[in-house]
Amino acid sequence: KELFASGTVPIFLGGDHSITFPIMRGLGETKKGKVGIIHMDAHFDNREIFGDDPYARCCPLHRISELESVKNTSIVHFGIRGARNAPQDGAYAKKIGAKVVTINDIRMGDMKDYMKLVKEAYDTAADGTDAVYVTVCSDVLDIAYNPGGPLDGNGLTTFELFNALYYFACRGIAGFDVVEVYPPMDPNNTSSHIAVQMILYVLAGLSKKKAEEK
């Protein structure tokens, strides 16, 4: 909360995806209006409970949707794919009116079509909100680019992810996190290097926005 109140754009590093809920709660406490979130992930991460833990890494988007400060129709799930999404995950997203962009939506077009989806994602998160937050689970990337993360194929390329993050930051974001990078499983520190590059693209976009505002 103090970081957001100071006017900075904080960047957080996980850790697992459970960190995003308290971050969003803190952001919401500093805004008079609603906040939106772009959630880039292979999975919805919106389970009501996982095991006996409602704050587990599978649950942050459910907890976030319960925050009064969050506009649920400005929750965007981007890059969803794979068999580890249960039917109830998609059903909950639909129930609350969240926007879902699947990998199939992305793969149906070329890069220009992809950037239109990126723009639509930001527009949805920004619609009627005072702030947009971006959270990235490393498994939004294909495993070929993310050997030190969850083992999910058929994902985004680094080119696609970096361009999206740069675009979001150029438009304006309140904060950013990257989660689920596993250094002990990471040959040659590949995923760790990719995570650093995500941050650099976000910083480049924020710098461009700041320069244009002068």
Foldseek 3Di string as FASTA:
>chain_A
DVCLLVVDAEEAEDDAQLVVQVVLVVNLVNDPAAFAEEEQAQELLPDCADPNHSSDSSRRVVSSLPDPRHQLLRYEYAAHDDDVYDPVSVVVSVVSNYHYHYLVNCVVDDVVSLVVVLVVNLCRRPVRHDFYEYEYELNLDACVQAQQFPHDHSHDHLVSLLVSLLVNLLVPHRYYYYYGGHVVRQVVCRNVVSRVSSVVSSVVSVVNNVVVVD
